[in-house]
Amino acid sequence: MDMNEFKMFFSDMEMVKRLRELGGIVEERRVERWSGNESYNVWLWQIKKGNGEWADALPVYRDLLTVGSARMLAGSVNTFDLLNLIK
């Protein structure tokens, strides 16, 4: 699933709100991007990392949801599931 498909599940403001609720410093920042030899500026939601640098918020949020989903699914696994796999 690419980033644009992933964004269909939530709005930017939902992403920003949740990251801020979890203690992240999130700002909409003007970022320089490159395409070949030409640069252009875009506004992106970014989250401040522990070392003071900024990272795009969307991949961080996607990874957070992936980890959360895995934990939720792992919590619903029971003994019968394990027995079924190792029989």
Protein backbone atom coordinates (compact mmCIF):
# COMPACT_ATOMS: atom_id res chain seq x y z
CA MET A 1 0.00 0.00 0.00
CA ASP A 2 1.51 3.35 -0.97
CA MET A 3 1.25 6.50 1.16
CA ASN A 4 -1.68 8.00 -0.77
CA GLU A 5 -3.75 4.84 -0.32
CA PHE A 6 -2.89 4.81 3.37
CA LYS A 7 -4.05 8.43 3.80
CA MET A 8 -7.56 7.45 2.70
CA PHE A 9 -8.12 5.97 6.16
CA PHE A 10 -7.56 9.19 8.13
CA SER A 11 -7.19 12.93 7.67
CA ASP A 12 -4.03 14.92 8.25
CA MET A 13 -5.62 16.54 11.28
CA GLU A 14 -6.48 13.14 12.80
CA MET A 15 -2.87 12.08 12.31
CA VAL A 16 -1.52 15.30 13.84
CA LYS A 17 -3.94 15.14 16.77
CA ARG A 18 -3.01 11.56 17.63
CA LEU A 19 0.74 12.15 17.35
CA ARG A 20 0.41 15.20 19.61
CA GLU A 21 -1.70 13.23 22.10
CA LEU A 22 1.17 10.75 22.30
CA GLY A 23 3.62 13.56 23.11
CA GLY A 24 5.05 14.25 19.66
CA ILE A 25 5.99 17.74 18.50
CA VAL A 26 4.28 18.05 15.13
CA GLU A 27 4.43 21.08 12.85
CA GLU A 28 3.54 21.83 9.26
CA ARG A 29 6.89 22.78 7.77
CA ARG A 30 8.10 24.02 4.42
CA VAL A 31 10.43 21.37 3.03
CA GLU A 32 12.66 21.45 -0.02
CA ARG A 33 12.34 18.43 -2.29
CA TRP A 34 14.28 17.51 -5.40
CA SER A 35 13.18 16.06 -8.71
CA GLY A 36 16.21 15.42 -10.85
CA ASN A 37 18.19 18.68 -10.87
CA GLU A 38 15.26 20.89 -9.86
CA SER A 39 14.12 21.71 -6.36
CA TYR A 40 10.67 22.70 -5.19
CA ASN A 41 9.08 23.52 -1.83
CA VAL A 42 6.17 21.69 -0.27
CA TRP A 43 4.34 21.99 3.05
CA LEU A 44 4.48 18.71 4.99
CA TRP A 45 3.49 17.63 8.46
CA GLN A 46 6.67 16.69 10.26
CA ILE A 47 7.47 15.32 13.71
CA LYS A 48 10.51 16.31 15.73
CA LYS A 49 12.87 13.41 16.44
CA GLY A 50 14.82 12.91 19.65
CA ASN A 51 18.00 14.27 18.08
CA GLY A 52 16.31 17.56 17.08
CA GLU A 53 15.93 16.68 13.40
CA TRP A 54 12.55 16.55 11.67
CA ALA A 55 10.97 13.56 9.93
CA ASP A 56 7.87 13.32 7.76
CA ALA A 57 4.95 12.51 10.06
CA LEU A 58 3.06 10.23 7.66
CA PRO A 59 5.57 7.34 7.63
CA VAL A 60 5.98 7.62 11.40
CA TYR A 61 2.21 7.45 11.87
CA ARG A 62 1.91 4.53 9.44
CA ASP A 63 4.55 2.60 11.39
CA LEU A 64 2.80 3.47 14.64
CA LEU A 65 -0.49 2.07 13.35
CA THR A 66 1.26 -1.05 12.09
CA VAL A 67 2.81 -1.68 15.50
CA GLY A 68 -0.50 -0.97 17.24
CA SER A 69 -2.38 -3.33 14.93
CA ALA A 70 0.15 -6.10 15.47
CA ARG A 71 -0.09 -5.70 19.25
CA MET A 72 -3.88 -5.77 19.10
CA LEU A 73 -3.87 -8.92 16.96
CA ALA A 74 -1.24 -10.60 19.12
CA GLY A 75 -3.40 -9.91 22.17
CA SER A 76 -6.27 -11.89 20.65
CA VAL A 77 -4.15 -14.97 19.96
CA ASN A 78 -4.91 -17.86 22.30
CA THR A 79 -3.60 -21.30 23.21
CA PHE A 80 -5.77 -23.02 20.61
CA ASP A 81 -4.15 -20.93 17.87
CA LEU A 82 -0.72 -22.06 19.01
CA LEU A 83 -1.79 -25.70 19.29
CA ASN A 84 -3.31 -25.53 15.82
CA LEU A 85 0.01 -24.30 14.38
CA ILE A 86 2.28 -26.81 16.10
CA LYS A 87 0.15 -29.96 15.78
